Protein backbone atom coordinates (compact mmCIF):
# COMPACT_ATOMS: atom_id res chain seq x y z
CA UNK A 1 125.05 121.54 95.21
CA UNK A 2 124.53 120.28 91.66
CA UNK A 3 121.84 121.04 89.12
CA UNK A 4 120.89 117.51 88.24
CA UNK A 5 117.18 118.35 87.93
CA UNK A 6 117.26 121.60 85.98
CA UNK A 7 114.14 121.80 83.76
CA UNK A 8 112.28 119.17 85.80
CA UNK A 9 109.09 119.79 87.72
CA UNK A 10 108.31 118.06 90.99
CA UNK A 11 105.20 117.65 93.20
CA UNK A 12 105.93 116.81 96.83
CA UNK A 13 102.96 115.97 99.03
CA UNK A 14 103.10 116.65 102.78
CA UNK A 15 106.00 119.01 102.06
CA UNK A 16 105.29 121.67 104.66
CA UNK A 17 107.25 119.94 107.42
CA UNK A 18 109.57 117.07 108.25
CA UNK A 19 110.74 114.63 105.57
CA UNK A 20 108.66 116.21 102.80
CA UNK A 21 110.08 119.66 103.53
CA UNK A 22 113.66 118.38 103.29
CA UNK A 23 112.96 116.68 100.00
CA UNK A 24 111.22 119.74 98.49
CA UNK A 25 114.11 121.98 99.45
CA UNK A 26 116.76 119.64 98.06
CA UNK A 27 114.85 119.12 94.80
CA UNK A 28 114.75 122.89 94.40
CA UNK A 29 118.50 123.12 95.10
CA UNK A 30 119.04 120.62 92.31
CA UNK A 31 117.17 122.86 89.90
CA UNK A 32 113.65 121.45 89.91
CA UNK A 33 110.56 123.62 90.09
CA UNK A 34 108.50 122.38 93.02
CA UNK A 35 104.82 122.27 93.87
CA UNK A 36 104.81 122.22 97.67
CA UNK A 37 101.65 120.44 98.75
CA UNK A 38 100.46 120.44 102.35
CA UNK A 39 97.08 120.97 104.00
CA UNK A 40 98.84 122.24 107.11
CA UNK A 41 96.81 120.06 109.49
CA UNK A 42 97.64 118.35 112.73
CA UNK A 43 99.22 114.90 112.93
CA UNK A 44 95.76 113.26 113.06
CA UNK A 45 94.65 115.05 109.92
CA UNK A 46 92.41 117.67 111.55
CA UNK A 47 92.63 121.37 110.83
CA UNK A 48 94.13 123.26 107.95
CA UNK A 49 96.65 126.02 107.45
CA UNK A 50 98.43 127.46 104.38
CA UNK A 51 101.45 128.55 106.37
CA UNK A 52 103.62 125.38 106.29
CA UNK A 53 103.52 125.10 102.47
CA UNK A 54 103.89 128.83 101.96
CA UNK A 55 106.92 128.97 104.31
CA UNK A 56 108.72 126.27 102.27
CA UNK A 57 107.90 128.13 99.07
CA UNK A 58 109.30 131.30 100.56
CA UNK A 59 112.56 129.55 101.50
CA UNK A 60 112.90 128.10 97.97
CA UNK A 61 112.18 131.38 96.19
CA UNK A 62 114.47 133.35 98.50
CA UNK A 63 117.29 131.07 97.39
CA UNK A 64 116.48 131.73 93.73
CA UNK A 65 114.37 128.66 93.07
CA UNK A 66 110.90 128.22 91.65
CA UNK A 67 108.03 126.93 93.75
CA UNK A 68 104.31 127.33 94.38
CA UNK A 69 102.14 126.23 97.33
CA UNK A 70 99.15 123.90 97.10
CA UNK A 71 96.72 122.99 99.84
CA UNK A 72 94.63 120.23 98.17
CA UNK A 73 94.00 117.02 100.10
CA UNK A 74 95.57 114.00 98.44
CA UNK A 75 92.84 111.82 99.96
CA UNK A 76 90.36 113.40 97.54
CA UNK A 77 90.59 112.00 94.00
CA UNK A 78 89.46 115.24 92.32
CA UNK A 79 91.65 117.41 94.58
CA UNK A 80 94.65 115.26 93.70
CA UNK A 81 93.88 115.92 90.06
CA UNK A 82 94.00 119.65 90.79
CA UNK A 83 97.33 119.19 92.53
CA UNK A 84 98.92 117.51 89.50
CA UNK A 85 97.29 120.05 87.21
CA UNK A 86 98.90 122.83 89.28
CA UNK A 87 102.34 121.58 88.23
CA UNK A 88 101.35 121.45 84.56
CA UNK A 89 99.65 124.88 84.70
CA UNK A 90 102.39 126.66 86.61
CA UNK A 91 105.51 124.97 85.17
CA UNK A 92 104.34 123.18 82.03
CA UNK A 93 104.81 119.53 83.04
CA UNK A 94 105.15 117.02 85.84
CA UNK A 95 108.35 114.91 86.02
CA UNK A 96 108.71 113.89 89.64
CA UNK A 97 106.07 112.90 92.22
CA UNK A 98 106.99 112.31 95.86
CA UNK A 99 104.08 110.72 97.72
CA UNK A 100 104.91 111.72 101.31
CA UNK A 101 101.66 113.08 102.88
CA UNK A 102 100.42 111.20 105.88
CA UNK A 103 98.58 111.26 109.15
CA UNK A 104 98.74 109.11 112.30
CA UNK A 105 95.95 107.70 114.47
CA UNK A 106 97.45 104.96 116.56
CA UNK A 107 95.21 102.48 118.40
CA UNK A 108 95.51 98.86 119.35
CA UNK A 109 93.35 96.79 117.04
CA UNK A 110 90.68 96.20 119.72
CA UNK A 111 90.35 99.96 120.18
CA UNK A 112 90.68 101.03 116.54
CA UNK A 113 87.55 102.67 115.11
CA UNK A 114 86.43 102.35 111.54
CA UNK A 115 86.77 106.09 111.18
CA UNK A 116 90.40 106.07 112.29
CA UNK A 117 91.19 103.13 109.97
CA UNK A 118 89.54 104.78 106.95
CA UNK A 119 91.13 108.16 107.57
CA UNK A 120 94.69 106.81 107.68
CA UNK A 121 94.16 104.56 104.65
CA UNK A 122 92.60 107.51 102.73
CA UNK A 123 95.60 109.81 103.18
CA UNK A 124 98.49 107.31 102.89
CA UNK A 125 97.33 104.55 100.50
CA UNK A 126 94.45 106.17 98.56
CA UNK A 127 96.38 109.46 98.48
CA UNK A 128 99.37 107.68 96.95
CA UNK A 129 97.11 106.07 94.39
CA UNK A 130 95.25 109.33 93.62
CA UNK A 131 98.40 111.34 92.91
CA UNK A 132 100.14 108.53 91.11
CA UNK A 133 97.13 107.87 88.89
CA UNK A 134 96.87 111.47 87.69
CA UNK A 135 100.61 111.97 87.32
CA UNK A 136 100.98 108.73 85.41
CA UNK A 137 98.94 110.07 82.52
CA UNK A 138 101.40 112.90 81.89
CA UNK A 139 104.52 110.82 82.60
CA UNK A 140 103.45 108.10 80.18
CA UNK A 141 102.79 110.63 77.45
CA UNK A 142 106.16 112.31 77.86
CA UNK A 143 107.95 108.99 78.34
CA UNK A 144 109.81 110.12 81.46
CA UNK A 145 108.93 110.25 85.12
CA UNK A 146 109.95 109.42 88.65
CA UNK A 147 107.53 108.35 91.37
CA UNK A 148 108.88 108.00 94.90
CA UNK A 149 106.47 106.91 97.61
CA UNK A 150 106.93 106.62 101.35
CA UNK A 151 106.39 103.18 102.86
CA UNK A 152 107.38 102.29 106.44
CA UNK A 153 108.82 99.51 108.57
CA UNK A 154 105.51 99.75 110.45
CA UNK A 155 103.94 97.90 107.53
CA UNK A 156 106.93 95.95 106.17
CA UNK A 157 107.77 94.47 109.61
CA UNK A 158 104.78 95.44 111.76
CA UNK A 159 104.34 97.75 114.75
CA UNK A 160 101.93 97.28 117.64
CA UNK A 161 99.10 99.78 117.61
CA UNK A 162 99.41 100.70 113.93
CA UNK A 163 97.03 98.38 112.05
CA UNK A 164 95.77 101.31 109.95
CA UNK A 165 99.18 102.91 109.31
CA UNK A 166 100.95 99.55 108.77
CA UNK A 167 98.29 98.33 106.33
CA UNK A 168 98.54 101.54 104.36
CA UNK A 169 102.34 101.53 104.26
CA UNK A 170 102.64 97.90 103.23
CA UNK A 171 99.97 98.61 100.65
CA UNK A 172 102.12 101.41 99.25
CA UNK A 173 105.03 98.99 98.83
CA UNK A 174 102.79 96.63 96.90
CA UNK A 175 101.30 99.47 94.86
CA UNK A 176 104.84 100.59 94.00
CA UNK A 177 105.78 97.21 92.66
CA UNK A 178 102.70 97.10 90.41
CA UNK A 179 103.13 100.69 89.17
CA UNK A 180 106.76 99.96 88.32
CA UNK A 181 105.54 97.22 85.93
CA UNK A 182 102.74 99.35 84.48
CA UNK A 183 104.94 102.29 83.71
CA UNK A 184 108.48 101.00 83.35
CA UNK A 185 108.29 100.54 79.58
CA UNK A 186 107.41 104.21 79.21
CA UNK A 187 110.57 105.41 80.97
CA UNK A 188 108.79 106.01 84.28
CA UNK A 189 110.14 104.46 87.47
CA UNK A 190 108.37 103.88 90.77
CA UNK A 191 110.23 103.15 94.00
CA UNK A 192 109.43 103.27 97.73
CA UNK A 193 111.40 104.51 100.70
CA UNK A 194 110.81 103.33 104.31
CA UNK A 195 112.23 106.25 106.23
CA UNK A 196 113.17 106.43 109.90
CA UNK A 197 113.29 109.95 111.28
CA UNK A 198 112.36 112.00 114.31
CA UNK A 199 109.33 113.81 112.89
CA UNK A 200 106.32 115.25 114.71
CA UNK A 201 104.52 111.98 113.92
CA UNK A 202 107.11 110.00 115.82
CA UNK A 203 106.85 112.38 118.77
CA UNK A 204 103.19 111.55 119.26
CA UNK A 205 103.81 107.81 119.90
CA UNK A 206 103.41 107.08 123.65
CA UNK A 207 106.38 105.53 125.49
CA UNK A 208 104.22 102.49 126.35
CA UNK A 209 103.65 101.83 122.66
CA UNK A 210 107.34 102.31 121.89
CA UNK A 211 108.24 99.56 124.36
CA UNK A 212 106.00 97.10 122.48
CA UNK A 213 107.87 97.71 119.21
CA UNK A 214 110.93 95.49 118.69
CA UNK A 215 114.17 96.56 117.11
CA UNK A 216 114.40 96.50 113.35
CA UNK A 217 116.53 93.95 111.40
CA UNK A 218 118.12 96.75 109.37
CA UNK A 219 120.31 97.87 112.29
CA UNK A 220 123.81 98.57 110.92
CA UNK A 221 126.91 96.71 112.11
CA UNK A 222 128.96 98.20 114.93
CA UNK A 223 131.63 99.72 112.70
CA UNK A 224 129.16 102.19 111.20
CA UNK A 225 128.37 105.64 112.66
CA UNK A 226 125.50 105.83 115.22
CA UNK A 227 122.12 105.98 113.60
CA UNK A 228 120.73 109.49 113.16
CA UNK A 229 117.03 110.44 113.10
CA UNK A 230 117.23 113.73 111.21
CA UNK A 231 114.28 114.04 108.75
CA UNK A 232 116.57 115.84 106.23
CA UNK A 233 118.74 112.74 105.93
CA UNK A 234 116.05 111.08 103.80
CA UNK A 235 116.12 113.77 101.09
CA UNK A 236 119.44 112.91 99.36
CA UNK A 237 118.37 109.40 98.44
CA UNK A 238 114.86 110.51 97.38
CA UNK A 239 116.43 113.16 95.13
CA UNK A 240 118.89 110.62 93.69
CA UNK A 241 115.93 108.38 92.74
CA UNK A 242 114.50 111.37 90.87
CA UNK A 243 117.54 111.83 88.68
CA UNK A 244 118.48 110.49 85.26
CA UNK A 245 121.16 108.37 86.92
CA UNK A 246 118.50 106.25 88.68
CA UNK A 247 116.65 105.38 85.48
CA UNK A 248 117.16 101.61 85.86
CA UNK A 249 116.10 101.49 89.51
CA UNK A 250 112.46 100.47 89.45
CA UNK A 251 110.03 98.68 91.72
CA UNK A 252 112.39 98.64 94.73
CA UNK A 253 111.92 99.46 98.40
CA UNK A 254 114.73 101.03 100.42
CA UNK A 255 115.14 101.75 104.11
CA UNK A 256 116.76 105.13 104.83
CA UNK A 257 117.78 106.15 108.33
CA UNK A 258 120.50 108.74 108.90
CA UNK A 259 123.57 107.68 106.94
CA UNK A 260 122.29 104.12 106.46
CA UNK A 261 120.55 103.10 103.22
CA UNK A 262 119.39 99.50 102.84
CA UNK A 263 117.86 97.72 99.87
CA UNK A 264 114.99 95.56 101.09
CA UNK A 265 114.39 92.27 99.34
CA UNK A 266 111.30 91.25 97.49
CA UNK A 267 109.12 88.73 99.34
CA UNK A 268 110.47 85.26 98.49
CA UNK A 269 109.97 81.68 99.74
CA UNK A 270 112.26 80.83 102.66
CA UNK A 271 111.40 77.15 103.02
CA UNK A 272 109.15 74.81 101.05
CA UNK A 273 107.68 71.38 101.60
CA UNK A 274 106.10 69.46 98.69
CA UNK A 275 104.21 66.18 98.11
CA UNK A 276 102.18 64.68 95.31
CA UNK A 277 98.57 65.37 96.14
CA UNK A 278 97.04 67.20 99.09
CA UNK A 279 98.61 67.61 102.54
CA UNK A 280 96.66 66.49 105.56
CA UNK A 281 96.65 68.56 108.78
CA UNK A 282 98.32 65.64 110.58
CA UNK A 283 101.17 65.48 108.11
CA UNK A 284 101.74 69.22 108.32
CA UNK A 285 101.70 69.08 112.14
CA UNK A 286 104.33 66.36 112.07
CA UNK A 287 106.63 68.19 109.69
CA UNK A 288 106.17 71.78 110.69
CA UNK A 289 108.39 71.86 113.80
CA UNK A 290 111.39 70.54 111.92
CA UNK A 291 110.87 72.56 108.70
CA UNK A 292 109.01 75.84 108.67
CA UNK A 293 108.88 76.17 112.41
CA UNK A 294 112.43 75.33 113.42
CA UNK A 295 113.44 78.90 114.15
CA UNK A 296 110.25 80.93 113.84
CA UNK A 297 109.91 83.70 116.46
CA UNK A 298 106.53 84.79 117.79
CA UNK A 299 106.63 88.60 117.72
CA UNK A 300 104.09 88.80 120.58
CA UNK A 301 104.04 85.66 122.70
CA UNK A 302 101.29 85.11 125.24
CA UNK A 303 101.90 86.75 128.63
CA UNK A 304 100.64 85.44 131.94
């Protein structure tokens, strides 16, 4: 393993398990000092334990790396400030931020409570903002930084039963594009990863809900190896985005699943109709089937 990040300091949220754990360990192997953040709660955000973060720190330090544990909640603006301050206090700076912390509270929209919506948005979307906001001050001043945030196909494409999670994850992709423009001129990049991995979050999804979720368009061609679902497969690309070599990659979203890495396109017009003046509903109805609607697919058609 190389030492591409020697002298750098990273904060990884939700790093006690799964994808975040793999990223924290690989960052440390590449020479970075790591603040391992995790509240140690259950998948729905309840409970708290210091053990997951401390176990990752123990693994890093046993291998000769530098790491400290942090149990602050990213959903709290002030606590997120403490988290970033921990990196500066313990290691002198903050160079890399990986926004990975998240919870899951799946419900169909007609059963989704306000509390469950707010809780998921608070951890994923607001938590990403909170940590990014506080880290950006330091990164802007030092004119170097890497921000890597976790989006999801649940938001980019949509998944039944995940209005809260999907809204947060698509929001993170949008936030990433804006942050990349705000900070790019200071030598700070912001990119998003939509990972696919068999984490404890995925394990909580009922089989009935899985059957409602269609296949993803990023399925690789048949000549590629079978898709893996190992959480640690996400770490190499996240670490690459944190290196000097990725300095010109900014504002992008990537899908990472096993050995497959896909660059996802920016939203762009697919078809356009124009006229001088204002369209009438009748004109649109006459043109729509042969223009916009010629091959549109309803993701959830009416069932008898």
